[in-house]
N, C-alpha and C. Protein backbone atom coordinates (compact mmCIF):
# COMPACT_ATOMS: atom_id res chain seq x y z
N MET A 1 58.41 -50.64 30.27
CA MET A 1 57.70 -50.05 31.79
C MET A 1 56.73 -51.60 31.03
N ARG A 2 56.19 -51.97 32.30
CA ARG A 2 55.15 -52.97 32.74
C ARG A 2 54.42 -52.82 33.15
N GLN A 3 53.45 -53.18 32.24
CA GLN A 3 51.49 -52.93 33.20
C GLN A 3 50.96 -54.13 34.13
N ALA A 4 50.93 -53.21 35.19
CA ALA A 4 50.58 -54.79 35.70
C ALA A 4 48.73 -54.78 35.19
N THR A 5 48.08 -55.64 36.19
CA THR A 5 47.06 -55.83 34.96
C THR A 5 45.88 -57.05 36.53
N PHE A 6 45.41 -57.49 37.11
CA PHE A 6 45.09 -58.61 38.00
C PHE A 6 43.46 -58.46 38.18
N GLY A 7 43.42 -59.65 37.89
CA GLY A 7 41.36 -59.75 37.80
C GLY A 7 41.16 -59.49 37.05
N ARG A 8 39.77 -58.39 37.24
CA ARG A 8 39.51 -57.94 35.68
C ARG A 8 40.04 -56.66 35.44
N ASN A 9 41.40 -56.03 36.17
CA ASN A 9 42.06 -55.33 35.54
C ASN A 9 41.85 -54.95 33.92
N VAL A 10 41.26 -55.55 33.31
CA VAL A 10 42.09 -55.61 31.68
C VAL A 10 41.61 -55.03 30.73
N GLU A 11 41.51 -53.02 31.42
CA GLU A 11 42.13 -52.16 30.71
C GLU A 11 44.18 -51.63 31.02
N SER A 12 44.70 -51.49 29.51
CA SER A 12 45.28 -51.17 29.56
C SER A 12 45.81 -50.05 29.84
N LEU A 13 46.39 -49.12 29.50
CA LEU A 13 47.14 -47.66 29.88
C LEU A 13 48.18 -48.23 29.66
N SER A 14 47.76 -46.89 28.06
CA SER A 14 49.11 -46.07 26.07
C SER A 14 49.41 -45.47 27.51
N ASP A 15 50.31 -45.61 26.17
CA ASP A 15 51.54 -44.17 26.85
C ASP A 15 50.48 -42.77 25.79
N SER A 16 49.91 -42.89 25.76
CA SER A 16 48.93 -41.51 24.55
C SER A 16 48.43 -40.43 26.51
N PRO A 17 48.42 -39.53 26.05
CA PRO A 17 47.96 -38.72 27.00
C PRO A 17 46.91 -38.55 27.26
N GLY A 18 46.70 -38.91 29.51
CA GLY A 18 45.57 -38.79 30.36
C GLY A 18 44.54 -38.03 29.64
N SER A 19 43.56 -38.29 29.40
CA SER A 19 42.10 -37.45 29.01
C SER A 19 42.50 -36.32 30.90
N GLY A 20 42.54 -36.40 31.56
CA GLY A 20 41.62 -35.82 32.92
C GLY A 20 43.36 -36.52 33.64
N ILE A 21 43.37 -35.19 35.71
CA ILE A 21 44.44 -35.54 36.41
C ILE A 21 44.08 -37.07 36.59
N GLY A 22 45.27 -37.07 36.38
CA GLY A 22 45.81 -38.48 37.17
C GLY A 22 47.30 -38.32 38.47
N LEU A 23 47.34 -39.19 38.79
CA LEU A 23 47.61 -39.84 40.83
C LEU A 23 49.35 -40.18 40.32
N ALA A 24 50.17 -39.99 40.70
CA ALA A 24 52.12 -40.99 41.01
C ALA A 24 52.25 -40.71 41.75
N LEU A 25 52.67 -41.91 42.60
CA LEU A 25 53.18 -42.23 43.84
C LEU A 25 54.31 -42.69 43.71
N TRP A 26 56.31 -41.53 43.96
CA TRP A 26 57.36 -41.90 44.07
C TRP A 26 58.24 -43.04 44.35
N GLN A 27 58.00 -44.18 44.74
CA GLN A 27 58.42 -45.64 45.42
C GLN A 27 57.99 -45.53 46.87
N PRO A 28 56.69 -46.19 47.13
CA PRO A 28 56.15 -46.27 48.17
C PRO A 28 56.96 -47.17 48.87
N ASP A 29 56.82 -46.54 49.71
CA ASP A 29 57.20 -47.01 51.20
C ASP A 29 56.32 -48.60 51.64
N ARG A 30 54.59 -48.62 51.88
CA ARG A 30 53.72 -49.02 52.60
C ARG A 30 52.81 -49.62 51.67
N PRO A 31 52.70 -50.86 51.52
CA PRO A 31 51.47 -50.86 50.97
C PRO A 31 50.11 -50.59 50.81
N HIS A 32 49.74 -50.77 52.08
CA HIS A 32 48.69 -50.79 52.73
C HIS A 32 48.37 -49.08 52.37
N ASN A 33 49.51 -48.66 52.13
CA ASN A 33 49.93 -46.46 51.58
C ASN A 33 48.80 -47.00 49.98
N LEU A 34 50.20 -47.20 49.16
CA LEU A 34 49.57 -47.87 47.55
C LEU A 34 47.55 -49.20 47.16
N GLY A 35 47.46 -49.52 48.24
CA GLY A 35 46.02 -50.33 48.72
C GLY A 35 45.39 -48.61 48.60
N GLY A 36 45.20 -47.55 49.95
CA GLY A 36 45.22 -46.24 49.49
C GLY A 36 44.89 -46.03 48.01
N ALA A 37 45.78 -45.81 47.39
CA ALA A 37 45.90 -44.75 46.35
C ALA A 37 44.75 -45.20 45.08
N LEU A 38 45.06 -47.03 45.01
CA LEU A 38 44.09 -48.00 44.01
C LEU A 38 42.65 -47.23 44.88
N ARG A 39 41.83 -47.62 45.34
CA ARG A 39 41.02 -47.63 45.62
C ARG A 39 41.00 -46.22 46.01
N LEU A 40 41.45 -45.29 45.47
CA LEU A 40 41.36 -43.98 45.99
C LEU A 40 41.31 -43.49 43.91
N CYS A 41 41.99 -43.89 43.83
CA CYS A 41 42.06 -43.86 41.95
C CYS A 41 41.30 -44.79 41.53
N ALA A 42 40.55 -46.12 41.84
CA ALA A 42 39.37 -46.38 41.10
C ALA A 42 38.08 -45.70 40.68
N CYS A 43 37.95 -45.04 42.35
CA CYS A 43 36.65 -44.74 42.61
C CYS A 43 36.77 -43.66 42.55
N LEU A 44 37.30 -42.13 42.01
CA LEU A 44 37.21 -41.37 41.18
C LEU A 44 37.47 -41.66 39.74
N GLY A 45 37.87 -42.76 39.78
CA GLY A 45 38.07 -42.58 37.50
C GLY A 45 39.15 -42.41 37.75
N VAL A 46 41.06 -41.57 38.09
CA VAL A 46 42.24 -41.51 38.38
C VAL A 46 43.37 -42.71 37.76
N GLU A 47 43.24 -42.01 37.17
CA GLU A 47 44.18 -43.36 36.29
C GLU A 47 45.71 -42.44 37.55
N LEU A 48 46.92 -44.18 38.14
CA LEU A 48 47.94 -44.01 38.25
C LEU A 48 49.29 -44.82 38.18
N ASP A 49 49.75 -44.21 38.82
CA ASP A 49 51.66 -44.56 38.08
C ASP A 49 52.30 -45.26 38.60
N VAL A 50 52.54 -46.55 39.48
CA VAL A 50 54.13 -46.29 41.13
C VAL A 50 54.76 -46.26 39.88
N ILE A 51 56.54 -45.23 41.00
CA ILE A 51 56.77 -45.10 40.47
C ILE A 51 58.21 -46.62 41.08
N GLU A 52 58.78 -47.18 41.12
CA GLU A 52 59.15 -48.47 41.52
C GLU A 52 60.95 -47.60 41.67
N PRO A 53 61.76 -48.48 42.49
CA PRO A 53 61.44 -49.16 43.19
C PRO A 53 60.61 -49.25 44.44
N ALA A 54 59.93 -50.87 44.92
CA ALA A 54 58.82 -50.01 45.85
C ALA A 54 59.22 -50.40 47.27
N GLY A 55 59.63 -49.67 47.86
CA GLY A 55 59.80 -50.59 49.45
C GLY A 55 59.98 -51.98 50.40
N PHE A 56 58.08 -52.38 49.06
CA PHE A 56 58.58 -53.46 49.58
C PHE A 56 57.83 -54.27 48.21
N PRO A 57 57.47 -56.15 48.51
CA PRO A 57 57.74 -56.31 47.43
C PRO A 57 56.60 -56.24 46.34
N LEU A 58 56.63 -55.85 44.86
CA LEU A 58 55.44 -55.62 44.66
C LEU A 58 54.77 -56.36 43.54
N ASP A 59 54.96 -57.61 44.13
CA ASP A 59 54.05 -58.85 43.47
C ASP A 59 52.32 -59.02 43.63
N ALA A 60 51.74 -59.13 42.36
CA ALA A 60 50.50 -59.28 43.10
C ALA A 60 49.79 -60.08 44.18
N ARG A 61 49.95 -60.74 45.20
CA ARG A 61 49.58 -61.41 46.30
C ARG A 61 49.17 -60.20 47.52
N ARG A 62 50.20 -59.37 47.10
CA ARG A 62 50.69 -57.88 48.08
C ARG A 62 49.11 -56.93 47.14
N ILE A 63 49.28 -56.66 45.95
CA ILE A 63 48.52 -55.77 45.43
C ILE A 63 47.20 -56.20 46.36
N ARG A 64 46.88 -57.36 45.98
CA ARG A 64 45.27 -58.12 45.56
C ARG A 64 44.82 -56.90 47.75
N GLU A 65 45.92 -58.29 48.51
CA GLU A 65 45.71 -58.00 50.25
C GLU A 65 45.84 -56.59 50.13
N ALA A 66 46.62 -55.92 50.01
CA ALA A 66 46.29 -53.77 49.57
C ALA A 66 44.88 -53.19 49.16
N ALA A 67 45.34 -53.61 47.82
CA ALA A 67 44.11 -53.17 47.31
C ALA A 67 42.36 -54.08 47.59
N LEU A 68 42.96 -54.58 48.57
CA LEU A 68 40.91 -55.53 48.17
C LEU A 68 40.12 -55.68 47.14
N ASP A 69 38.84 -55.62 47.47
CA ASP A 69 38.29 -56.24 46.48
C ASP A 69 38.71 -55.16 45.08
N TYR A 70 38.79 -53.43 44.94
CA TYR A 70 39.35 -52.02 44.60
C TYR A 70 40.81 -52.12 43.58
N GLY A 71 41.84 -53.35 43.37
CA GLY A 71 42.38 -53.52 42.50
C GLY A 71 41.78 -53.52 41.22
N PRO A 72 41.29 -54.37 41.42
CA PRO A 72 40.30 -55.01 39.94
C PRO A 72 40.60 -53.62 38.80
N LEU A 73 39.38 -53.05 39.84
CA LEU A 73 38.81 -52.08 39.41
C LEU A 73 39.96 -50.46 38.98
N ALA A 74 41.22 -50.15 39.09
CA ALA A 74 41.69 -49.32 39.42
C ALA A 74 42.55 -49.10 38.52
N ARG A 75 42.85 -48.43 37.46
CA ARG A 75 44.18 -48.84 36.13
C ARG A 75 45.22 -48.03 36.25
N TRP A 76 46.31 -48.63 36.27
CA TRP A 76 47.13 -48.64 37.21
C TRP A 76 48.57 -48.71 36.81
N ARG A 77 49.77 -48.60 35.95
CA ARG A 77 50.81 -48.69 35.51
C ARG A 77 52.40 -48.47 35.60
N ARG A 78 53.08 -49.05 36.49
CA ARG A 78 53.60 -49.96 37.01
C ARG A 78 55.15 -49.42 36.15
N HIS A 79 56.76 -48.33 36.57
CA HIS A 79 56.94 -48.37 36.13
C HIS A 79 58.63 -48.95 36.96
N ALA A 80 59.39 -49.40 35.83
CA ALA A 80 60.22 -50.27 36.47
C ALA A 80 60.86 -49.31 37.95
N GLU A 81 61.38 -47.63 36.40
CA GLU A 81 62.69 -46.74 37.02
C GLU A 81 61.68 -45.78 37.00
N PRO A 82 62.53 -44.09 38.05
CA PRO A 82 62.28 -43.09 38.04
C PRO A 82 62.14 -42.60 36.10
N GLU A 83 63.34 -42.79 35.62
CA GLU A 83 64.02 -42.56 35.20
C GLU A 83 62.38 -42.23 33.27
N GLY A 84 62.02 -43.49 33.76
CA GLY A 84 61.23 -44.10 32.15
C GLY A 84 59.59 -43.09 32.85
N PHE A 85 59.50 -43.29 33.75
CA PHE A 85 58.23 -42.14 34.52
C PHE A 85 58.43 -40.61 33.72
N LEU A 86 59.76 -40.61 34.70
CA LEU A 86 59.57 -38.67 34.35
C LEU A 86 59.35 -38.40 32.42
N ALA A 87 60.09 -39.60 32.07
CA ALA A 87 60.62 -39.72 29.98
C ALA A 87 59.18 -39.51 29.77
N LEU A 88 58.19 -40.28 29.98
CA LEU A 88 56.73 -40.43 29.08
C LEU A 88 55.94 -39.19 30.00
N ARG A 89 55.51 -39.23 30.95
CA ARG A 89 55.34 -37.41 31.64
C ARG A 89 55.60 -37.32 30.29
N ARG A 90 57.33 -36.33 30.15
CA ARG A 90 57.88 -34.72 29.42
C ARG A 90 57.42 -35.55 27.90
N GLY A 91 56.85 -36.38 27.25
CA GLY A 91 57.04 -36.94 25.97
C GLY A 91 55.90 -36.59 25.47
N GLN A 92 55.24 -36.22 26.47
CA GLN A 92 53.39 -35.81 26.59
C GLN A 92 52.88 -35.54 26.78
N GLY A 93 53.95 -34.66 27.49
CA GLY A 93 54.49 -32.60 27.77
C GLY A 93 52.19 -32.97 28.33
N ARG A 94 52.54 -33.69 30.10
CA ARG A 94 51.22 -33.48 31.15
C ARG A 94 52.41 -33.02 31.87
N ARG A 95 51.40 -31.67 32.72
CA ARG A 95 52.22 -30.47 33.98
C ARG A 95 52.26 -31.71 35.94
N LEU A 96 53.81 -31.60 35.53
CA LEU A 96 53.59 -32.31 37.03
C LEU A 96 54.08 -31.51 37.56
N VAL A 97 52.88 -31.82 39.23
CA VAL A 97 52.63 -31.36 40.12
C VAL A 97 53.22 -31.92 41.03
N LEU A 98 54.21 -31.83 42.02
CA LEU A 98 54.44 -32.94 43.45
C LEU A 98 53.45 -31.66 44.83
N LEU A 99 53.17 -32.00 45.51
CA LEU A 99 52.83 -32.22 47.00
C LEU A 99 54.11 -31.80 47.67
N SER A 100 54.31 -31.52 48.88
CA SER A 100 55.72 -30.49 49.73
C SER A 100 55.46 -29.99 50.23
N THR A 101 56.21 -31.11 51.63
CA THR A 101 55.58 -29.62 52.92
C THR A 101 56.91 -28.23 52.38
N GLY A 102 57.71 -28.68 51.47
CA GLY A 102 58.65 -27.41 51.66
C GLY A 102 57.97 -26.67 50.27
N ALA A 103 57.23 -26.75 49.56
CA ALA A 103 56.27 -26.50 48.89
C ALA A 103 55.69 -24.39 48.65
N ASP A 104 56.36 -23.52 48.58
CA ASP A 104 55.50 -21.73 48.70
C ASP A 104 54.38 -22.00 49.11
N THR A 105 53.83 -22.68 47.50
CA THR A 105 52.38 -22.06 47.00
C THR A 105 51.55 -23.76 48.33
N SER A 106 50.09 -22.45 48.45
CA SER A 106 49.25 -23.59 48.90
C SER A 106 48.45 -23.62 48.01
N TYR A 107 47.72 -25.75 48.34
CA TYR A 107 47.21 -26.53 46.77
C TYR A 107 45.85 -25.33 46.76
N HIS A 108 45.45 -24.55 47.24
CA HIS A 108 44.33 -24.64 47.28
C HIS A 108 44.42 -23.46 47.00
N ARG A 109 45.36 -22.92 46.07
CA ARG A 109 46.05 -20.63 45.95
C ARG A 109 46.12 -22.11 44.13
N ALA A 110 45.99 -22.71 43.60
CA ALA A 110 46.73 -23.32 42.51
C ALA A 110 45.49 -23.19 42.32
N SER A 111 45.91 -23.37 40.07
CA SER A 111 44.60 -23.91 38.88
C SER A 111 45.10 -25.09 38.75
N PHE A 112 44.24 -25.62 38.33
CA PHE A 112 44.95 -27.40 38.05
C PHE A 112 44.02 -26.72 36.76
N TYR A 113 44.65 -28.19 35.61
CA TYR A 113 44.94 -28.63 34.34
C TYR A 113 44.28 -30.29 34.18
N ALA A 114 43.30 -29.78 32.85
CA ALA A 114 43.52 -32.22 33.17
C ALA A 114 44.67 -31.59 32.02
N GLY A 115 44.52 -33.19 32.99
CA GLY A 115 45.66 -33.89 32.08
C GLY A 115 47.46 -33.81 33.17
N ASP A 116 47.13 -32.80 33.74
CA ASP A 116 47.61 -32.94 35.73
C ASP A 116 48.10 -33.70 35.76
N VAL A 117 49.80 -33.88 36.29
CA VAL A 117 49.52 -35.30 37.20
C VAL A 117 50.49 -35.71 38.47
N LEU A 118 49.95 -35.22 39.20
CA LEU A 118 49.60 -35.05 41.20
C LEU A 118 51.19 -35.97 40.93
N LEU A 119 52.09 -35.72 41.67
CA LEU A 119 52.87 -37.17 42.35
C LEU A 119 52.92 -36.79 44.15
N LEU A 120 53.31 -37.46 44.77
CA LEU A 120 53.49 -37.59 46.00
C LEU A 120 55.53 -38.17 45.66
N GLY A 121 55.77 -37.81 47.11
CA GLY A 121 57.45 -39.25 47.38
C GLY A 121 57.12 -39.62 48.22
N SER A 122 57.71 -40.85 48.33
CA SER A 122 57.24 -41.46 49.24
C SER A 122 57.84 -41.48 50.68
N GLU A 123 56.93 -42.03 51.76
CA GLU A 123 56.47 -42.30 52.90
C GLU A 123 57.88 -41.98 53.88
N SER A 124 58.89 -41.48 53.38
CA SER A 124 60.09 -42.01 54.84
C SER A 124 61.11 -40.69 53.67
N ARG A 125 60.73 -40.82 52.36
CA ARG A 125 61.32 -40.05 52.17
C ARG A 125 61.62 -38.52 50.97
N GLY A 126 60.39 -38.64 50.48
CA GLY A 126 59.67 -38.13 49.43
C GLY A 126 60.86 -38.55 47.98
N VAL A 127 61.13 -37.52 47.50
CA VAL A 127 61.59 -36.89 45.54
C VAL A 127 62.74 -36.75 46.21
N PRO A 128 63.53 -37.19 45.95
CA PRO A 128 64.71 -36.62 45.11
C PRO A 128 64.95 -35.00 45.01
N GLU A 129 65.43 -34.02 45.64
CA GLU A 129 66.35 -33.13 45.03
C GLU A 129 65.94 -32.48 43.57
N HIS A 130 66.66 -32.94 42.37
CA HIS A 130 66.24 -33.62 41.58
C HIS A 130 65.11 -33.09 40.45
N VAL A 131 64.44 -34.38 41.33
CA VAL A 131 63.06 -34.04 41.28
C VAL A 131 61.68 -33.36 41.03
N HIS A 132 62.41 -32.08 42.61
CA HIS A 132 62.12 -31.03 42.62
C HIS A 132 62.46 -29.96 41.62
N GLU A 133 63.11 -29.76 41.23
CA GLU A 133 63.94 -29.27 39.65
C GLU A 133 63.31 -29.58 38.49
N LEU A 134 62.94 -31.11 38.41
CA LEU A 134 62.30 -31.17 37.25
C LEU A 134 60.02 -29.96 36.68
N VAL A 135 60.08 -30.57 37.99
CA VAL A 135 58.38 -30.62 38.54
C VAL A 135 58.02 -29.14 37.79
N ASP A 136 56.55 -29.24 37.08
CA ASP A 136 56.71 -27.80 36.55
C ASP A 136 55.62 -26.54 37.79
N LEU A 137 55.00 -27.12 39.54
CA LEU A 137 54.68 -26.81 39.94
C LEU A 137 54.59 -27.31 41.03
N ARG A 138 55.36 -26.70 42.69
CA ARG A 138 55.23 -27.45 43.76
C ARG A 138 53.86 -26.60 44.96
N LEU A 139 53.65 -27.42 44.86
CA LEU A 139 51.92 -27.51 46.33
C LEU A 139 52.40 -28.19 48.02
N ARG A 140 51.54 -27.43 48.18
CA ARG A 140 51.93 -27.97 49.65
C ARG A 140 50.28 -28.13 50.27
N ILE A 141 49.69 -28.18 51.89
CA ILE A 141 49.39 -28.62 52.28
C ILE A 141 48.25 -27.44 54.00
N PRO A 142 48.28 -26.67 53.80
CA PRO A 142 48.55 -26.14 54.80
C PRO A 142 47.86 -26.72 56.71
N MET A 143 48.68 -26.68 57.77
CA MET A 143 48.61 -27.15 58.95
C MET A 143 48.80 -26.44 59.73
N ALA A 144 47.85 -27.23 60.87
CA ALA A 144 47.90 -25.97 61.49
C ALA A 144 49.67 -25.78 62.35
N PRO A 145 50.14 -25.98 62.95
CA PRO A 145 51.59 -25.32 63.22
C PRO A 145 51.47 -26.72 64.11
N GLY A 146 52.87 -26.53 63.69
CA GLY A 146 54.00 -27.65 64.13
C GLY A 146 53.44 -28.98 63.76
N ARG A 147 52.68 -29.04 62.39
CA ARG A 147 52.37 -30.93 62.47
C ARG A 147 52.83 -30.85 61.10
N ARG A 148 54.31 -31.66 60.89
CA ARG A 148 54.95 -31.78 60.09
C ARG A 148 53.67 -32.45 58.57
N SER A 149 53.47 -32.99 58.10
CA SER A 149 53.05 -34.30 56.59
C SER A 149 51.53 -35.25 57.65
N LEU A 150 50.61 -35.35 56.45
CA LEU A 150 50.17 -36.69 56.20
C LEU A 150 49.83 -37.12 55.77
N ASN A 151 48.93 -38.26 56.08
CA ASN A 151 49.62 -39.93 55.56
C ASN A 151 49.93 -39.33 53.19
N VAL A 152 50.73 -40.10 53.17
CA VAL A 152 50.53 -40.46 51.05
C VAL A 152 49.29 -40.08 51.07
N VAL A 153 47.80 -41.24 51.60
CA VAL A 153 46.21 -40.82 50.45
C VAL A 153 46.11 -40.57 51.33
N ALA A 154 45.50 -39.96 51.90
CA ALA A 154 45.13 -38.45 52.32
C ALA A 154 45.10 -37.32 52.42
N ALA A 155 46.89 -36.75 51.83
CA ALA A 155 46.91 -35.91 51.02
C ALA A 155 46.49 -36.01 49.94
N ALA A 156 47.28 -36.88 48.71
CA ALA A 156 46.42 -37.25 47.77
C ALA A 156 44.92 -36.77 47.49
N SER A 157 44.26 -37.35 48.81
CA SER A 157 42.68 -36.79 48.29
C SER A 157 42.34 -36.45 48.57
N LEU A 158 42.86 -35.14 49.82
CA LEU A 158 42.99 -33.80 49.66
C LEU A 158 42.86 -32.29 48.04
N VAL A 159 44.19 -33.08 47.63
CA VAL A 159 44.00 -31.80 46.49
C VAL A 159 43.92 -32.70 45.46
N LEU A 160 43.04 -33.84 44.74
CA LEU A 160 43.06 -34.54 44.20
C LEU A 160 41.58 -34.18 44.29
N GLY A 161 40.80 -34.09 45.12
CA GLY A 161 39.46 -33.41 44.66
C GLY A 161 39.75 -31.88 44.27
N GLU A 162 40.39 -30.97 45.25
CA GLU A 162 39.97 -30.14 44.59
C GLU A 162 40.63 -29.34 43.08
N ALA A 163 41.35 -30.85 42.43
CA ALA A 163 41.79 -30.84 40.64
C ALA A 163 40.23 -31.48 40.04
N LEU A 164 39.98 -32.30 40.26
CA LEU A 164 38.96 -32.24 40.35
C LEU A 164 37.80 -31.91 39.75
N ARG A 165 37.49 -31.66 41.21
CA ARG A 165 36.50 -30.10 41.33
C ARG A 165 37.02 -29.20 40.08
N GLN A 166 38.18 -28.70 40.49
CA GLN A 166 38.32 -27.13 38.65
C GLN A 166 38.24 -28.21 37.29
N THR A 167 38.99 -29.14 37.07
CA THR A 167 38.27 -29.92 35.89
C THR A 167 37.64 -30.12 35.07
N GLY A 168 36.57 -29.85 36.16
CA GLY A 168 34.85 -30.50 36.15
C GLY A 168 34.84 -31.88 35.93
N ALA A 169 35.72 -32.61 36.80
CA ALA A 169 35.04 -33.92 36.57
C ALA A 169 34.51 -34.96 37.67
N LEU A 170 33.52 -33.53 39.31
CA LEU A 170 33.69 -33.83 39.58
C LEU A 170 32.50 -33.71 39.32
N ASP A 171 31.76 -32.98 38.74
CA ASP A 171 30.81 -32.39 37.66
C ASP A 171 30.34 -34.00 36.63
N ARG A 172 31.44 -34.32 35.87
CA ARG A 172 30.86 -35.45 35.30
C ARG A 172 30.63 -36.69 35.76
N LEU A 173 31.44 -37.80 37.35
CA LEU A 173 30.82 -38.28 38.10
C LEU A 173 29.32 -37.95 38.90
N ALA A 174 29.40 -37.41 38.82
CA ALA A 174 27.39 -36.68 39.29
C ALA A 174 27.34 -37.36 39.01
N ALA A 175 27.24 -36.89 37.51
CA ALA A 175 26.72 -36.68 35.40
C ALA A 175 26.36 -38.15 35.76
N GLU A 176 27.25 -39.75 36.58
CA GLU A 176 26.80 -40.59 35.13
C GLU A 176 26.37 -41.81 36.93
């Protein structure tokens, strides 16, 4: 596993369980979505896992361009292969929550726990079927009839907000 650190981002993520909600992007296709996720996580104090391979070169220049000045503020980790990410989460005992248009349960009906990791699939392919079978919970976002899906960062924002609210993390951010 490689740790990506750029600019002021000197805080290293260890392999120990996170104390709060986490966000994970499965093989992202578009650099601007990675940038949006880095900004979202930096602003909300959420750890981000990026599971490779990405659909674009995941180099320092592209990350800086996508994340703008928020990249150095984000705490994130890259996983060279999906199996490493899945093994790490299993070893930590953290619950893996997949956002999927095919899920039966709406996110606003779910209970979230500190330590949950919200997983979003790639923009073009989602996650493979075997990952659907490995997750602890699958959730969907209710949408108007005839709509397929939201942008991955928009979807992450909605569900992450609810998870942070339920776990008290938003109250802690407001108090800082």
